[in-house]
Amino acid sequence: VSIGKDSRIESYNFGAKFENLEGNRIEREMVKPTSVLFSEAKEGILVYPSPLKGTYRLIAEIILPAENDAVEDIYFTFSGGVSGWLGTDSSKRDIWSGVVAGVKWALLIGLLTALTAVSIGVTYGVVSAYLGGWKDSLMQRVFELFLGVPLLPVLIVMSAIFKPNIWIMILMMSCFFWVGPVKTVRSMGLQIKEETYIEAAHAFGASSSRIIFKHMIPLLIPYAFASMALYVPSAIVYESSISLLGLGDSTIVTWGQILHDALTGGAVLNGLWWWVIPPGLFIALMGMTFAFIGFAMDKILHPKLRTR
C-alpha cells in the first residue's frame, strides 16, 4: 500500500493498492486510508475493511521543509455513522436532534414576531380610531402603503443585503405583520370610543394616552391573543422560506436550514426522504396547531362564528 496525492484538493487522502497482473501489467485501486486505519488486520483489508471497535490515539507530526514555512487551517474531522431515528446528514449531524432543536427556534421566531407585530398593530389601530379626523385618514394611508408591499421579496432583498441574523429577520417580519389586525382593531376602537365611560373619562380630565392604554386597549387583549395565534404559523413559514433559499442565519438550527442542507446535499434527487419530510412535517404540524388555537379563540370571542 502506498499513499497517493489528490491533485484536486492538494492533500493526501487516499491509499493505492498495487497488484501485478499478467506479467508487467500493474493495476491500481484507490482505498480510503481511514478505512484501513480503523479496520481489523486481516486478509482483504483493502477490499473489504471491517471496523475494529476500541479506543484510538492519533499522533500527528508535521515536518516542514524550511523554517519559514507555515501550516495553516489544521483540522481533523470525526464523522459518525448513520445512527439515530433519522440517520445523519452529509455533514454527519444527527437529523433527529436538529429537528427537535428546531422546535425551540420555531417557537421563539413565531411567538416573538407575533407578539411584536400584534402589539404594534393593536396600538396603531386604537390610536387611529381615537384620534379621528385627518389624523385617522393619514394613519390609514400609511397603513395601506405597508399593506401593499409584498413581504417575501422584501425579506429576500434585505437578507441578501445584510448579514443573515435571526433577530434582524424577526424585526423585519414584525415591521410588516402589524398591518394585519389594524382594520379590525380600528372598527372595534370606534365602537369603544362611543361608550359612556370613555365620555366620563374625558369629563374627569383624563389624558388621551390614559384613555387609550387604560380603558380601550385592555378590552382588545382577547382579540390580540387570537391574532397572535394566527400569526405564529406565518412567521415560521416565512423564516423557513428564507432559510431554504440560503439567506437565513446558518448559526442556528431551524427547520428551514435543515431543508436547505437537504436541498444542497441532493436529498431530493437521491430519494433521502428522512432528511426532507420530518422538518417539513414539523412545520405543518406547528402551523396547524397554532391555526386551530386561533380559530377556536375566534369562535369564543365572536359567537356568530359558532356552528352546531
C-alpha atoms as a PDB file:
ATOM      1  CA  VAL A   1       0.000   0.000   0.000  1.00  0.00           C
ATOM      2  CA  SER A   2       1.304   3.446  -0.874  1.00  0.00           C
ATOM      3  CA  ILE A   3      -0.070   6.931  -0.209  1.00  0.00           C
ATOM      4  CA  GLY A   4      -1.303   8.906  -3.190  1.00  0.00           C
ATOM      5  CA  LYS A   5      -1.995  12.620  -3.623  1.00  0.00           C
ATOM      6  CA  ASP A   6      -5.266  14.061  -4.842  1.00  0.00           C
ATOM      7  CA  SER A   7      -4.345  16.867  -7.248  1.00  0.00           C
ATOM      8  CA  ARG A   8      -7.781  18.441  -6.998  1.00  0.00           C
ATOM      9  CA  ILE A   9      -7.524  19.435  -3.343  1.00  0.00           C
ATOM     10  CA  GLU A  10      -3.745  19.123  -2.904  1.00  0.00           C
ATOM     11  CA  SER A  11      -3.942  16.762   0.052  1.00  0.00           C
ATOM     12  CA  TYR A  12      -3.083  13.151   0.803  1.00  0.00           C
ATOM     13  CA  ASN A  13      -6.415  11.489   1.331  1.00  0.00           C
ATOM     14  CA  PHE A  14      -6.324   8.042  -0.251  1.00  0.00           C
ATOM     15  CA  GLY A  15      -4.220   4.952  -0.449  1.00  0.00           C
ATOM     16  CA  ALA A  16      -3.305   2.966  -3.524  1.00  0.00           C
ATOM     17  CA  LYS A  17      -3.089  -0.807  -3.731  1.00  0.00           C
ATOM     18  CA  PHE A  18      -0.780  -2.184  -6.438  1.00  0.00           C
ATOM     19  CA  GLU A  19      -1.307  -5.621  -7.943  1.00  0.00           C
ATOM     20  CA  ASN A  20       0.885  -7.313 -10.539  1.00  0.00           C
ATOM     21  CA  LEU A  21      -1.378  -8.931 -13.067  1.00  0.00           C
ATOM     22  CA  GLU A  22      -0.372 -10.738 -16.298  1.00  0.00           C
ATOM     23  CA  GLY A  23       3.336 -10.110 -16.263  1.00  0.00           C
ATOM     24  CA  ASN A  24       4.365  -6.473 -16.263  1.00  0.00           C
ATOM     25  CA  ARG A  25       0.871  -5.022 -16.098  1.00  0.00           C
ATOM     26  CA  ILE A  26       0.097  -3.066 -12.930  1.00  0.00           C
ATOM     27  CA  GLU A  27      -3.433  -2.356 -11.703  1.00  0.00           C
ATOM     28  CA  ARG A  28      -4.078   0.285  -9.035  1.00  0.00           C
ATOM     29  CA  GLU A  29      -7.121   0.530  -6.784  1.00  0.00           C
ATOM     30  CA  MET A  30      -7.964   3.529  -4.609  1.00  0.00           C
ATOM     31  CA  VAL A  31      -8.932   2.990  -0.982  1.00  0.00           C
ATOM     32  CA  LYS A  32      -9.639   5.362   1.880  1.00  0.00           C
ATOM     33  CA  PRO A  33      -6.854   5.431   4.477  1.00  0.00           C
ATOM     34  CA  THR A  34      -9.357   5.842   7.324  1.00  0.00           C
ATOM     35  CA  SER A  35     -10.987   2.579   6.312  1.00  0.00           C
ATOM     36  CA  VAL A  36      -7.621   0.859   6.712  1.00  0.00           C
ATOM     37  CA  LEU A  37      -6.539   2.637   9.905  1.00  0.00           C
ATOM     38  CA  PHE A  38      -9.682   1.671  11.793  1.00  0.00           C
ATOM     39  CA  SER A  39     -10.076  -1.835  10.384  1.00  0.00           C
ATOM     40  CA  GLU A  40      -9.212  -5.283  11.617  1.00  0.00           C
ATOM     41  CA  ALA A  41      -5.834  -6.521  10.358  1.00  0.00           C
ATOM     42  CA  LYS A  42      -6.866  -9.472   8.239  1.00  0.00           C
ATOM     43  CA  GLU A  43      -6.724 -10.678   4.664  1.00  0.00           C
ATOM     44  CA  GLY A  44      -8.603  -8.485   2.198  1.00  0.00           C
ATOM     45  CA  ILE A  45      -8.363  -5.392   4.390  1.00  0.00           C
ATOM     46  CA  LEU A  46      -8.068  -3.094   1.369  1.00  0.00           C
ATOM     47  CA  VAL A  47     -11.041  -4.556  -0.443  1.00  0.00           C
ATOM     48  CA  TYR A  48     -13.410  -5.359   2.420  1.00  0.00           C
ATOM     49  CA  PRO A  49     -12.316  -3.424   5.528  1.00  0.00           C
ATOM     50  CA  SER A  50     -14.305  -4.210   8.661  1.00  0.00           C
ATOM     51  CA  PRO A  51     -14.388  -1.758  11.603  1.00  0.00           C
ATOM     52  CA  LEU A  52     -12.449  -2.590  14.745  1.00  0.00           C
ATOM     53  CA  LYS A  53     -14.008  -1.217  17.923  1.00  0.00           C
ATOM     54  CA  GLY A  54     -11.763   0.243  20.578  1.00  0.00           C
ATOM     55  CA  THR A  55     -10.019   3.382  21.835  1.00  0.00           C
ATOM     56  CA  TYR A  56      -7.658   5.088  19.406  1.00  0.00           C
ATOM     57  CA  ARG A  57      -4.941   7.652  19.989  1.00  0.00           C
ATOM     58  CA  LEU A  58      -3.738   9.629  16.986  1.00  0.00           C
ATOM     59  CA  ILE A  59      -0.387  11.438  16.961  1.00  0.00           C
ATOM     60  CA  ALA A  60       0.343  13.803  14.056  1.00  0.00           C
ATOM     61  CA  GLU A  61       3.877  15.001  13.347  1.00  0.00           C
ATOM     62  CA  ILE A  62       4.394  17.828  10.861  1.00  0.00           C
ATOM     63  CA  ILE A  63       7.800  18.174   9.205  1.00  0.00           C
ATOM     64  CA  LEU A  64       8.380  21.446   7.378  1.00  0.00           C
ATOM     65  CA  PRO A  65      10.965  21.697   4.584  1.00  0.00           C
ATOM     66  CA  ALA A  66      12.121  25.139   5.749  1.00  0.00           C
ATOM     67  CA  GLU A  67      11.909  27.171   8.956  1.00  0.00           C
ATOM     68  CA  ASN A  68       9.898  29.938   7.298  1.00  0.00           C
ATOM     69  CA  ASP A  69       7.181  27.602   6.066  1.00  0.00           C
ATOM     70  CA  ALA A  70       3.879  27.668   7.903  1.00  0.00           C
ATOM     71  CA  VAL A  71       0.941  25.306   8.204  1.00  0.00           C
ATOM     72  CA  GLU A  72      -2.493  26.875   8.494  1.00  0.00           C
ATOM     73  CA  ASP A  73      -6.047  25.634   8.934  1.00  0.00           C
ATOM     74  CA  ILE A  74      -5.183  22.350  10.603  1.00  0.00           C
ATOM     75  CA  TYR A  75      -8.279  20.360  11.477  1.00  0.00           C
ATOM     76  CA  PHE A  76      -9.367  16.779  11.947  1.00  0.00           C
ATOM     77  CA  THR A  77     -12.932  15.734  11.256  1.00  0.00           C
ATOM     78  CA  PHE A  78     -14.527  12.795  13.061  1.00  0.00           C
ATOM     79  CA  SER A  79     -17.517  11.570  11.109  1.00  0.00           C
ATOM     80  CA  GLY A  80     -20.123   9.390  12.706  1.00  0.00           C
ATOM     81  CA  GLY A  81     -22.056   6.625  11.088  1.00  0.00           C
ATOM     82  CA  VAL A  82     -25.733   6.590  10.226  1.00  0.00           C
ATOM     83  CA  SER A  83     -27.350   6.428  13.635  1.00  0.00           C
ATOM     84  CA  GLY A  84     -30.443   7.688  15.394  1.00  0.00           C
ATOM     85  CA  TRP A  85     -34.041   7.590  14.267  1.00  0.00           C
ATOM     86  CA  LEU A  86     -33.457   9.653  11.119  1.00  0.00           C
ATOM     87  CA  GLY A  87     -29.762   8.971  10.473  1.00  0.00           C
ATOM     88  CA  THR A  88     -27.270  11.733   9.728  1.00  0.00           C
ATOM     89  CA  ASP A  89     -26.906  14.358   7.029  1.00  0.00           C
ATOM     90  CA  SER A  90     -23.989  14.909   4.650  1.00  0.00           C
ATOM     91  CA  SER A  91     -22.006  16.562   7.467  1.00  0.00           C
ATOM     92  CA  LYS A  92     -22.647  13.564   9.771  1.00  0.00           C
ATOM     93  CA  ARG A  93     -25.017  15.534  12.032  1.00  0.00           C
ATOM     94  CA  ASP A  94     -27.946  13.741  13.622  1.00  0.00           C
ATOM     95  CA  ILE A  95     -31.087  14.833  11.757  1.00  0.00           C
ATOM     96  CA  TRP A  96     -33.486  13.993  14.592  1.00  0.00           C
ATOM     97  CA  SER A  97     -31.527  16.167  17.024  1.00  0.00           C
ATOM     98  CA  GLY A  98     -31.691  19.025  14.524  1.00  0.00           C
ATOM     99  CA  VAL A  99     -35.446  18.623  14.074  1.00  0.00           C
ATOM    100  CA  VAL A 100     -36.003  18.663  17.845  1.00  0.00           C
ATOM    101  CA  ALA A 101     -33.704  21.675  18.268  1.00  0.00           C
ATOM    102  CA  GLY A 102     -35.713  23.460  15.578  1.00  0.00           C
ATOM    103  CA  VAL A 103     -38.798  23.443  17.824  1.00  0.00           C
ATOM    104  CA  LYS A 104     -37.170  25.962  20.165  1.00  0.00           C
ATOM    105  CA  TRP A 105     -36.263  28.365  17.384  1.00  0.00           C
ATOM    106  CA  ALA A 106     -39.633  27.970  15.670  1.00  0.00           C
ATOM    107  CA  LEU A 107     -41.466  28.921  18.865  1.00  0.00           C
ATOM    108  CA  LEU A 108     -39.089  31.812  19.507  1.00  0.00           C
ATOM    109  CA  ILE A 109     -39.409  33.191  15.980  1.00  0.00           C
ATOM    110  CA  GLY A 110     -43.165  32.695  15.774  1.00  0.00           C
ATOM    111  CA  LEU A 111     -44.148  33.948  19.227  1.00  0.00           C
ATOM    112  CA  LEU A 112     -41.755  36.906  19.309  1.00  0.00           C
ATOM    113  CA  THR A 113     -42.745  38.057  15.821  1.00  0.00           C
ATOM    114  CA  ALA A 114     -46.450  37.657  16.558  1.00  0.00           C
ATOM    115  CA  LEU A 115     -46.187  39.432  19.920  1.00  0.00           C
ATOM    116  CA  THR A 116     -44.295  42.390  18.458  1.00  0.00           C
ATOM    117  CA  ALA A 117     -46.454  42.715  15.347  1.00  0.00           C
ATOM    118  CA  VAL A 118     -49.807  42.394  17.130  1.00  0.00           C
ATOM    119  CA  SER A 119     -48.754  44.838  19.849  1.00  0.00           C
ATOM    120  CA  ILE A 120     -47.860  47.432  17.213  1.00  0.00           C
ATOM    121  CA  GLY A 121     -50.997  46.739  15.169  1.00  0.00           C
ATOM    122  CA  VAL A 122     -53.406  46.924  18.113  1.00  0.00           C
ATOM    123  CA  THR A 123     -51.868  50.155  19.408  1.00  0.00           C
ATOM    124  CA  TYR A 124     -51.861  51.690  15.926  1.00  0.00           C
ATOM    125  CA  GLY A 125     -55.493  50.785  15.263  1.00  0.00           C
ATOM    126  CA  VAL A 126     -56.741  52.086  18.619  1.00  0.00           C
ATOM    127  CA  VAL A 127     -54.827  55.362  18.285  1.00  0.00           C
ATOM    128  CA  SER A 128     -56.184  55.846  14.758  1.00  0.00           C
ATOM    129  CA  ALA A 129     -59.759  55.232  15.910  1.00  0.00           C
ATOM    130  CA  TYR A 130     -59.422  57.501  18.936  1.00  0.00           C
ATOM    131  CA  LEU A 131     -57.865  60.471  17.123  1.00  0.00           C
ATOM    132  CA  GLY A 132     -60.269  60.509  14.186  1.00  0.00           C
ATOM    133  CA  GLY A 133     -60.408  63.273  11.592  1.00  0.00           C
ATOM    134  CA  TRP A 134     -57.450  63.995   9.326  1.00  0.00           C
ATOM    135  CA  LYS A 135     -55.068  62.183  11.673  1.00  0.00           C
ATOM    136  CA  ASP A 136     -57.079  58.995  11.250  1.00  0.00           C
ATOM    137  CA  SER A 137     -57.077  59.437   7.458  1.00  0.00           C
ATOM    138  CA  LEU A 138     -53.306  59.976   7.392  1.00  0.00           C
ATOM    139  CA  MET A 139     -52.672  56.910   9.543  1.00  0.00           C
ATOM    140  CA  GLN A 140     -54.914  54.827   7.281  1.00  0.00           C
ATOM    141  CA  ARG A 141     -52.961  55.920   4.186  1.00  0.00           C
ATOM    142  CA  VAL A 142     -49.716  54.830   5.877  1.00  0.00           C
ATOM    143  CA  PHE A 143     -51.393  51.543   6.774  1.00  0.00           C
ATOM    144  CA  GLU A 144     -52.468  50.975   3.156  1.00  0.00           C
ATOM    145  CA  LEU A 145     -48.928  51.724   1.980  1.00  0.00           C
ATOM    146  CA  PHE A 146     -47.483  48.957   4.169  1.00  0.00           C
ATOM    147  CA  LEU A 147     -50.368  46.657   3.254  1.00  0.00           C
ATOM    148  CA  GLY A 148     -49.492  46.827  -0.449  1.00  0.00           C
ATOM    149  CA  VAL A 149     -45.817  45.902  -0.029  1.00  0.00           C
ATOM    150  CA  PRO A 150     -45.070  42.202  -0.803  1.00  0.00           C
ATOM    151  CA  LEU A 151     -43.302  40.801   2.235  1.00  0.00           C
ATOM    152  CA  LEU A 152     -41.370  37.833   0.821  1.00  0.00           C
ATOM    153  CA  PRO A 153     -39.447  39.777  -1.871  1.00  0.00           C
ATOM    154  CA  VAL A 154     -38.583  42.437   0.710  1.00  0.00           C
ATOM    155  CA  LEU A 155     -37.273  39.784   3.106  1.00  0.00           C
ATOM    156  CA  ILE A 156     -35.202  38.203   0.333  1.00  0.00           C
ATOM    157  CA  VAL A 157     -33.643  41.537  -0.658  1.00  0.00           C
ATOM    158  CA  MET A 158     -32.949  42.591   2.937  1.00  0.00           C
ATOM    159  CA  SER A 159     -31.467  39.189   3.789  1.00  0.00           C
ATOM    160  CA  ALA A 160     -29.181  39.428   0.767  1.00  0.00           C
ATOM    161  CA  ILE A 161     -28.025  42.946   1.715  1.00  0.00           C
ATOM    162  CA  PHE A 162     -27.493  42.483   5.439  1.00  0.00           C
ATOM    163  CA  LYS A 163     -25.631  39.708   7.202  1.00  0.00           C
ATOM    164  CA  PRO A 164     -28.085  36.869   7.940  1.00  0.00           C
ATOM    165  CA  ASN A 165     -29.270  37.271  11.511  1.00  0.00           C
ATOM    166  CA  ILE A 166     -32.352  35.813  13.144  1.00  0.00           C
ATOM    167  CA  TRP A 167     -33.071  38.957  15.167  1.00  0.00           C
ATOM    168  CA  ILE A 168     -32.990  41.169  12.073  1.00  0.00           C
ATOM    169  CA  MET A 169     -35.387  38.771  10.357  1.00  0.00           C
ATOM    170  CA  ILE A 170     -37.791  38.889  13.315  1.00  0.00           C
ATOM    171  CA  LEU A 171     -37.651  42.696  13.262  1.00  0.00           C
ATOM    172  CA  MET A 172     -38.329  42.850   9.517  1.00  0.00           C
ATOM    173  CA  MET A 173     -41.285  40.462   9.742  1.00  0.00           C
ATOM    174  CA  SER A 174     -42.718  42.453  12.654  1.00  0.00           C
ATOM    175  CA  CYS A 175     -42.446  45.655  10.601  1.00  0.00           C
ATOM    176  CA  PHE A 176     -44.881  44.197   8.036  1.00  0.00           C
ATOM    177  CA  PHE A 177     -47.044  41.797  10.054  1.00  0.00           C
ATOM    178  CA  TRP A 178     -48.510  44.625  12.164  1.00  0.00           C
ATOM    179  CA  VAL A 179     -50.878  45.682   9.363  1.00  0.00           C
ATOM    180  CA  GLY A 180     -52.984  42.524   9.787  1.00  0.00           C
ATOM    181  CA  PRO A 181     -55.098  43.418  12.837  1.00  0.00           C
ATOM    182  CA  VAL A 182     -55.301  47.184  12.186  1.00  0.00           C
ATOM    183  CA  LYS A 183     -58.611  47.227  10.276  1.00  0.00           C
ATOM    184  CA  THR A 184     -60.465  45.065  12.792  1.00  0.00           C
ATOM    185  CA  VAL A 185     -58.951  46.861  15.783  1.00  0.00           C
ATOM    186  CA  ARG A 186     -59.862  50.253  14.327  1.00  0.00           C
ATOM    187  CA  SER A 187     -63.502  49.252  13.847  1.00  0.00           C
ATOM    188  CA  MET A 188     -63.656  47.887  17.396  1.00  0.00           C
ATOM    189  CA  GLY A 189     -61.942  51.030  18.676  1.00  0.00           C
ATOM    190  CA  LEU A 190     -64.574  53.238  17.028  1.00  0.00           C
ATOM    191  CA  GLN A 191     -67.285  51.348  18.931  1.00  0.00           C
ATOM    192  CA  ILE A 192     -65.423  51.534  22.244  1.00  0.00           C
ATOM    193  CA  LYS A 193     -64.817  55.258  21.724  1.00  0.00           C
ATOM    194  CA  GLU A 194     -68.586  55.896  21.855  1.00  0.00           C
ATOM    195  CA  GLU A 195     -69.068  54.174  25.227  1.00  0.00           C
ATOM    196  CA  THR A 196     -70.282  56.312  28.130  1.00  0.00           C
ATOM    197  CA  TYR A 197     -67.321  55.534  30.382  1.00  0.00           C
ATOM    198  CA  ILE A 198     -64.985  56.974  27.730  1.00  0.00           C
ATOM    199  CA  GLU A 199     -67.013  60.186  27.779  1.00  0.00           C
ATOM    200  CA  ALA A 200     -66.907  60.143  31.582  1.00  0.00           C
ATOM    201  CA  ALA A 201     -63.138  59.786  31.498  1.00  0.00           C
ATOM    202  CA  HIS A 202     -62.991  62.821  29.207  1.00  0.00           C
ATOM    203  CA  ALA A 203     -65.189  64.758  31.591  1.00  0.00           C
ATOM    204  CA  PHE A 204     -62.907  63.959  34.530  1.00  0.00           C
ATOM    205  CA  GLY A 205     -59.925  65.294  32.576  1.00  0.00           C
ATOM    206  CA  ALA A 206     -58.189  62.005  31.707  1.00  0.00           C
ATOM    207  CA  SER A 207     -55.440  62.356  29.122  1.00  0.00           C
ATOM    208  CA  SER A 208     -55.646  60.733  25.703  1.00  0.00           C
ATOM    209  CA  SER A 209     -52.825  58.298  26.487  1.00  0.00           C
ATOM    210  CA  ARG A 210     -54.569  57.206  29.696  1.00  0.00           C
ATOM    211  CA  ILE A 211     -57.851  56.611  27.899  1.00  0.00           C
ATOM    212  CA  ILE A 212     -56.136  54.621  25.130  1.00  0.00           C
ATOM    213  CA  PHE A 213     -53.898  52.433  27.291  1.00  0.00           C
ATOM    214  CA  LYS A 214     -56.086  52.214  30.399  1.00  0.00           C
ATOM    215  CA  HIS A 215     -59.632  51.956  29.045  1.00  0.00           C
ATOM    216  CA  MET A 216     -59.502  50.906  25.378  1.00  0.00           C
ATOM    217  CA  ILE A 217     -56.573  48.562  24.730  1.00  0.00           C
ATOM    218  CA  PRO A 218     -57.330  46.218  27.700  1.00  0.00           C
ATOM    219  CA  LEU A 219     -60.687  45.403  26.077  1.00  0.00           C
ATOM    220  CA  LEU A 220     -58.861  44.229  22.941  1.00  0.00           C
ATOM    221  CA  ILE A 221     -56.411  41.879  24.659  1.00  0.00           C
ATOM    222  CA  PRO A 222     -58.509  38.722  23.961  1.00  0.00           C
ATOM    223  CA  TYR A 223     -58.619  39.603  20.265  1.00  0.00           C
ATOM    224  CA  ALA A 224     -54.868  40.280  20.352  1.00  0.00           C
ATOM    225  CA  PHE A 225     -54.183  36.767  21.672  1.00  0.00           C
ATOM    226  CA  ALA A 226     -56.313  35.233  18.913  1.00  0.00           C
ATOM    227  CA  SER A 227     -54.428  37.256  16.295  1.00  0.00           C
ATOM    228  CA  MET A 228     -51.086  36.197  17.766  1.00  0.00           C
ATOM    229  CA  ALA A 229     -52.013  32.528  17.436  1.00  0.00           C
ATOM    230  CA  LEU A 230     -52.792  33.057  13.750  1.00  0.00           C
ATOM    231  CA  TYR A 231     -49.571  34.957  13.016  1.00  0.00           C
ATOM    232  CA  VAL A 232     -47.195  32.384  14.527  1.00  0.00           C
ATOM    233  CA  PRO A 233     -47.502  29.954  11.563  1.00  0.00           C
ATOM    234  CA  SER A 234     -46.919  32.788   9.084  1.00  0.00           C
ATOM    235  CA  ALA A 235     -43.686  33.808  10.804  1.00  0.00           C
ATOM    236  CA  ILE A 236     -42.427  30.208  10.860  1.00  0.00           C
ATOM    237  CA  VAL A 237     -43.221  29.680   7.166  1.00  0.00           C
ATOM    238  CA  TYR A 238     -41.540  32.940   6.125  1.00  0.00           C
ATOM    239  CA  GLU A 239     -38.387  32.105   8.097  1.00  0.00           C
ATOM    240  CA  SER A 240     -38.311  28.617   6.592  1.00  0.00           C
ATOM    241  CA  SER A 241     -38.686  30.066   3.097  1.00  0.00           C
ATOM    242  CA  ILE A 242     -35.789  32.475   3.592  1.00  0.00           C
ATOM    243  CA  SER A 243     -33.582  29.756   5.085  1.00  0.00           C
ATOM    244  CA  LEU A 244     -34.486  27.364   2.271  1.00  0.00           C
ATOM    245  CA  LEU A 245     -33.112  29.906  -0.202  1.00  0.00           C
ATOM    246  CA  GLY A 246     -29.826  30.006   1.720  1.00  0.00           C
ATOM    247  CA  LEU A 247     -30.383  33.515   3.123  1.00  0.00           C
ATOM    248  CA  GLY A 248     -31.144  32.509   6.708  1.00  0.00           C
ATOM    249  CA  ASP A 249     -28.964  32.523   9.799  1.00  0.00           C
ATOM    250  CA  SER A 250     -26.720  29.467   9.445  1.00  0.00           C
ATOM    251  CA  THR A 251     -25.518  29.725  13.058  1.00  0.00           C
ATOM    252  CA  ILE A 252     -28.784  28.330  14.428  1.00  0.00           C
ATOM    253  CA  VAL A 253     -30.675  25.116  13.721  1.00  0.00           C
ATOM    254  CA  THR A 254     -34.061  25.772  12.159  1.00  0.00           C
ATOM    255  CA  TRP A 255     -36.300  23.568  10.070  1.00  0.00           C
ATOM    256  CA  GLY A 256     -35.735  25.824   7.085  1.00  0.00           C
ATOM    257  CA  GLN A 257     -31.967  25.467   7.487  1.00  0.00           C
ATOM    258  CA  ILE A 258     -32.309  21.666   7.588  1.00  0.00           C
ATOM    259  CA  LEU A 259     -34.339  21.770   4.367  1.00  0.00           C
ATOM    260  CA  HIS A 260     -31.679  23.986   2.789  1.00  0.00           C
ATOM    261  CA  ASP A 261     -28.961  21.492   3.747  1.00  0.00           C
ATOM    262  CA  ALA A 262     -31.097  18.695   2.328  1.00  0.00           C
ATOM    263  CA  LEU A 263     -31.542  20.608  -0.927  1.00  0.00           C
ATOM    264  CA  THR A 264     -27.834  21.325  -1.334  1.00  0.00           C
ATOM    265  CA  GLY A 265     -26.959  17.783  -0.237  1.00  0.00           C
ATOM    266  CA  GLY A 266     -29.013  16.204  -3.010  1.00  0.00           C
ATOM    267  CA  ALA A 267     -31.597  14.634  -0.702  1.00  0.00           C
ATOM    268  CA  VAL A 268     -34.442  15.157  -3.173  1.00  0.00           C
ATOM    269  CA  LEU A 269     -32.554  13.752  -6.153  1.00  0.00           C
ATOM    270  CA  ASN A 270     -31.301  10.743  -4.189  1.00  0.00           C
ATOM    271  CA  GLY A 271     -34.631   9.975  -2.529  1.00  0.00           C
ATOM    272  CA  LEU A 272     -33.469  10.673   1.045  1.00  0.00           C
ATOM    273  CA  TRP A 273     -36.997  11.273   2.337  1.00  0.00           C
ATOM    274  CA  TRP A 274     -35.993  11.072   6.025  1.00  0.00           C
ATOM    275  CA  TRP A 275     -33.960  14.252   5.520  1.00  0.00           C
ATOM    276  CA  VAL A 276     -36.788  16.233   3.875  1.00  0.00           C
ATOM    277  CA  ILE A 277     -40.139  15.042   5.221  1.00  0.00           C
ATOM    278  CA  PRO A 278     -39.590  15.355   9.038  1.00  0.00           C
ATOM    279  CA  PRO A 279     -38.735  19.104   9.093  1.00  0.00           C
ATOM    280  CA  GLY A 280     -41.495  19.830   6.583  1.00  0.00           C
ATOM    281  CA  LEU A 281     -43.946  17.781   8.645  1.00  0.00           C
ATOM    282  CA  PHE A 282     -42.994  19.646  11.820  1.00  0.00           C
ATOM    283  CA  ILE A 283     -43.550  22.983  10.059  1.00  0.00           C
ATOM    284  CA  ALA A 284     -47.026  21.828   9.021  1.00  0.00           C
ATOM    285  CA  LEU A 285     -47.884  20.468  12.486  1.00  0.00           C
ATOM    286  CA  MET A 286     -46.703  23.621  14.238  1.00  0.00           C
ATOM    287  CA  GLY A 287     -48.689  25.787  11.833  1.00  0.00           C
ATOM    288  CA  MET A 288     -51.847  23.692  12.177  1.00  0.00           C
ATOM    289  CA  THR A 289     -51.593  23.716  15.981  1.00  0.00           C
ATOM    290  CA  PHE A 290     -51.499  27.493  16.280  1.00  0.00           C
ATOM    291  CA  ALA A 291     -54.059  27.909  13.482  1.00  0.00           C
ATOM    292  CA  PHE A 292     -56.558  25.694  15.342  1.00  0.00           C
ATOM    293  CA  ILE A 293     -55.885  27.640  18.541  1.00  0.00           C
ATOM    294  CA  GLY A 294     -56.566  30.906  16.719  1.00  0.00           C
ATOM    295  CA  PHE A 295     -59.769  29.597  15.112  1.00  0.00           C
ATOM    296  CA  ALA A 296     -61.016  28.315  18.476  1.00  0.00           C
ATOM    297  CA  MET A 297     -60.343  31.659  20.147  1.00  0.00           C
ATOM    298  CA  ASP A 298     -62.114  33.431  17.275  1.00  0.00           C
ATOM    299  CA  LYS A 299     -65.227  31.340  17.852  1.00  0.00           C
ATOM    300  CA  ILE A 300     -65.118  32.088  21.570  1.00  0.00           C
ATOM    301  CA  LEU A 301     -64.681  35.826  21.049  1.00  0.00           C
ATOM    302  CA  HIS A 302     -67.176  36.034  18.159  1.00  0.00           C
ATOM    303  CA  PRO A 303     -70.297  33.962  18.976  1.00  0.00           C
ATOM    304  CA  LYS A 304     -71.657  34.464  15.450  1.00  0.00           C
ATOM    305  CA  LEU A 305     -68.890  32.197  14.146  1.00  0.00           C
ATOM    306  CA  ARG A 306     -70.082  29.256  16.246  1.00  0.00           C
ATOM    307  CA  THR A 307     -71.698  26.376  14.367  1.00  0.00           C
ATOM    308  CA  ARG A 308     -73.723  23.486  15.661  1.00  0.00           C
END
